[in-house]
Amino acid sequence: MSKKQLSAAQGVQAACILFELNSKTVDIINMASGAHMPDEYLSGPGAEMFCSEWRAFVHAVVTAALMQHAPNTVFLAYLRQTRNLLTAAGSNGAPADEQAAEAAVTAFVDGPFAQYMPLLAQEQQVRCPELFCQRLAVQAANLRGQATPPDDHAKARLAAIMAMVISAIWDKLEQYDIQPE
């Protein structure tokens, strides 16, 4: 099977579309519900935390796939889209001023995104679900003083969903021959 040729700009656009398809708030909450995550992650601040954490995971998956299947210029151009992607996804609202917006992106990149990247880059995807659940529990405990951890069944469902997302994104980007700029 021959690969479809994409320009660098088309490669970045394809990566952004993959992020957007896997980052819609309603779909994330439905996925969390279907995975039987604790109720505290299905609405309110808990849902916002869950969605933000999921977006960090998806952003890292797309980034890691680009590292494997695209030139560095495309990978870097995609990373420069982080702020736009988060704003479009509605992650943490749209901060009113430029400084607050930049701080939110920096916190996202240095926080959750940076936690998933080494696992994905070193092909340790199997550790992502545990990291995801640990990070959620810590955030929920900081917010409420306690947290309900997902049970083993919910963790297993989450792990399966994460594996499918990784596979789907990586398989899709593997179908393209993305050209350098």
Protein backbone atom coordinates (compact mmCIF):
# COMPACT_ATOMS: atom_id res chain seq x y z
CA MET A 1 0.00 0.00 0.00
CA SER A 2 1.44 3.33 -1.00
CA LYS A 3 1.31 6.18 1.42
CA LYS A 4 -0.55 9.36 0.63
CA GLN A 5 1.79 12.34 0.30
CA LEU A 6 1.07 15.33 2.52
CA SER A 7 2.81 18.66 2.62
CA ALA A 8 4.15 19.82 5.97
CA ALA A 9 1.14 22.10 6.42
CA GLN A 10 -1.26 19.25 5.59
CA GLY A 11 0.60 17.03 8.07
CA VAL A 12 0.14 19.59 10.84
CA GLN A 13 -3.51 19.96 9.87
CA ALA A 14 -4.00 16.17 9.96
CA ALA A 15 -2.42 16.02 13.42
CA CYS A 16 -4.63 18.86 14.67
CA ILE A 17 -7.71 17.08 13.32
CA LEU A 18 -6.71 13.88 15.14
CA PHE A 19 -6.37 15.86 18.37
CA GLU A 20 -9.71 17.59 17.87
CA LEU A 21 -11.53 14.33 17.07
CA ASN A 22 -10.32 12.82 20.33
CA SER A 23 -10.74 15.90 22.54
CA LYS A 24 -14.41 16.87 22.44
CA THR A 25 -15.72 17.47 25.95
CA VAL A 26 -18.99 15.59 25.46
CA ASP A 27 -17.18 12.58 24.01
CA ILE A 28 -14.63 12.56 26.82
CA ILE A 29 -17.35 12.64 29.49
CA ASN A 30 -19.28 9.89 27.68
CA MET A 31 -16.10 7.83 27.51
CA ALA A 32 -15.47 8.36 31.22
CA SER A 33 -19.02 7.30 31.99
CA GLY A 34 -18.74 4.25 29.75
CA ALA A 35 -15.49 3.31 31.48
CA HIS A 36 -17.35 3.51 34.84
CA MET A 37 -15.08 6.19 36.22
CA PRO A 38 -16.19 7.56 39.63
CA ASP A 39 -19.09 10.02 39.44
CA GLU A 40 -16.90 12.90 40.63
CA TYR A 41 -15.19 12.86 37.20
CA LEU A 42 -18.43 13.08 35.22
CA SER A 43 -19.52 16.64 36.04
CA GLY A 44 -18.31 19.90 37.52
CA PRO A 45 -14.66 20.49 38.43
CA GLY A 46 -13.92 16.74 38.38
CA ALA A 47 -15.06 16.52 34.77
CA GLU A 48 -12.92 19.53 33.88
CA MET A 49 -9.90 17.80 35.44
CA PHE A 50 -10.69 14.56 33.61
CA CYS A 51 -11.06 16.36 30.27
CA SER A 52 -7.86 18.34 30.75
CA GLU A 53 -5.93 15.19 31.65
CA TRP A 54 -7.40 13.33 28.66
CA ARG A 55 -6.42 16.17 26.33
CA ALA A 56 -2.86 16.06 27.66
CA PHE A 57 -2.76 12.33 26.97
CA VAL A 58 -4.16 12.75 23.43
CA HIS A 59 -1.80 15.65 22.68
CA ALA A 60 1.13 13.50 23.78
CA VAL A 61 -0.10 10.57 21.65
CA VAL A 62 -0.33 12.76 18.54
CA THR A 63 3.06 14.33 19.29
CA ALA A 64 4.72 10.94 19.79
CA ALA A 65 3.18 9.67 16.54
CA LEU A 66 4.52 12.69 14.68
CA MET A 67 7.95 12.02 16.15
CA GLN A 68 7.77 8.59 14.47
CA HIS A 69 6.07 9.47 11.19
CA ALA A 70 6.90 13.08 10.30
CA PRO A 71 9.88 15.36 9.89
CA ASN A 72 10.94 17.41 12.91
CA THR A 73 9.64 20.60 11.31
CA VAL A 74 6.12 19.13 11.26
CA PHE A 75 6.40 17.86 14.82
CA LEU A 76 7.52 21.31 16.00
CA ALA A 77 4.84 23.10 13.97
CA TYR A 78 2.21 20.89 15.61
CA LEU A 79 3.56 21.73 19.08
CA ARG A 80 3.28 25.42 18.21
CA GLN A 81 -0.45 24.80 17.75
CA THR A 82 -0.92 23.74 21.40
CA ARG A 83 -2.52 26.98 22.51
CA ASN A 84 -4.95 27.01 19.57
CA LEU A 85 -5.86 23.36 20.14
CA LEU A 86 -6.55 23.89 23.83
CA THR A 87 -8.58 27.02 23.16
CA ALA A 88 -10.66 25.25 20.50
CA ALA A 89 -11.19 22.28 22.83
CA GLY A 90 -12.40 24.61 25.58
CA SER A 91 -9.71 23.45 27.97
CA ASN A 92 -9.89 25.54 31.14
CA GLY A 93 -11.82 28.27 29.35
CA ALA A 94 -10.21 31.06 27.42
CA PRO A 95 -8.14 33.21 29.76
CA ALA A 96 -8.98 36.88 29.41
CA ASP A 97 -5.47 38.22 28.97
CA GLU A 98 -2.45 37.15 26.99
CA GLN A 99 -0.30 36.52 30.05
CA ALA A 100 -2.91 34.23 31.64
CA ALA A 101 -3.37 32.35 28.35
CA GLU A 102 0.37 31.79 28.05
CA ALA A 103 0.58 30.65 31.68
CA ALA A 104 -2.23 28.14 31.09
CA VAL A 105 -0.44 26.66 28.06
CA THR A 106 2.84 26.51 29.95
CA ALA A 107 1.16 24.75 32.88
CA PHE A 108 -0.41 22.23 30.47
CA VAL A 109 2.84 21.54 28.62
CA ASP A 110 5.05 21.41 31.73
CA GLY A 111 2.46 19.50 33.74
CA PRO A 112 0.32 16.70 32.35
CA PHE A 113 1.67 16.71 28.78
CA ALA A 114 5.26 16.37 30.02
CA GLN A 115 4.26 13.37 32.13
CA TYR A 116 2.96 11.32 29.18
CA MET A 117 5.63 12.16 26.61
CA PRO A 118 8.47 10.05 28.08
CA LEU A 119 6.19 7.02 28.39
CA LEU A 120 5.04 7.28 24.79
CA ALA A 121 8.47 8.15 23.39
CA GLN A 122 10.00 5.15 25.18
CA GLU A 123 7.18 2.80 24.11
CA GLN A 124 5.88 2.40 27.66
CA GLN A 125 2.26 3.15 26.76
CA VAL A 126 1.09 0.46 29.16
CA ARG A 127 1.99 2.81 32.04
CA CYS A 128 -0.25 5.67 30.78
CA PRO A 129 -3.52 4.48 32.40
CA GLU A 130 -1.94 4.18 35.84
CA LEU A 131 -0.31 7.61 35.49
CA PHE A 132 -3.65 9.04 34.34
CA CYS A 133 -5.51 7.66 37.36
CA GLN A 134 -2.77 8.72 39.79
CA ARG A 135 -2.74 12.27 38.45
CA LEU A 136 -6.55 12.49 38.66
CA ALA A 137 -6.56 11.22 42.23
CA VAL A 138 -3.94 13.77 43.29
CA GLN A 139 -5.81 16.63 41.59
CA ALA A 140 -9.14 15.56 43.10
CA ALA A 141 -7.58 15.25 46.55
CA ASN A 142 -6.09 18.74 46.21
CA LEU A 143 -9.48 20.08 45.13
CA ARG A 144 -11.71 18.30 47.64
CA GLY A 145 -9.34 16.91 50.25
CA GLN A 146 -10.18 13.37 49.16
CA ALA A 147 -10.70 11.38 45.99
CA THR A 148 -12.50 8.25 44.92
CA PRO A 149 -10.01 6.19 42.95
CA PRO A 150 -11.30 4.29 39.93
CA ASP A 151 -11.79 0.61 40.67
CA ASP A 152 -9.87 -2.06 38.76
CA HIS A 153 -12.72 -2.53 36.28
CA ALA A 154 -12.74 1.20 35.42
CA LYS A 155 -8.94 1.22 35.12
CA ALA A 156 -9.07 -1.77 32.76
CA ARG A 157 -11.71 -0.10 30.58
CA LEU A 158 -9.71 3.14 30.56
CA ALA A 159 -6.55 1.21 29.61
CA ALA A 160 -8.37 -0.44 26.70
CA ILE A 161 -9.72 2.91 25.47
CA MET A 162 -6.28 4.50 25.75
CA ALA A 163 -4.73 1.61 23.80
CA MET A 164 -7.34 2.02 21.05
CA VAL A 165 -6.70 5.76 20.83
CA ILE A 166 -2.94 5.25 20.63
CA SER A 167 -3.35 2.61 17.94
CA ALA A 168 -5.85 4.62 15.91
CA ILE A 169 -3.77 7.81 15.92
CA TRP A 170 -0.49 6.07 15.18
CA ASP A 171 -2.04 3.91 12.45
CA LYS A 172 -3.63 6.94 10.80
CA LEU A 173 -0.40 8.97 10.73
CA GLU A 174 1.51 5.94 9.47
CA GLN A 175 -0.65 6.04 6.32
CA TYR A 176 0.92 9.33 5.27
CA ASP A 177 4.27 10.37 3.90
CA ILE A 178 4.54 13.83 5.41
CA GLN A 179 7.01 16.03 3.61
CA PRO A 180 9.37 18.51 5.28
CA GLU A 181 8.74 22.23 4.78
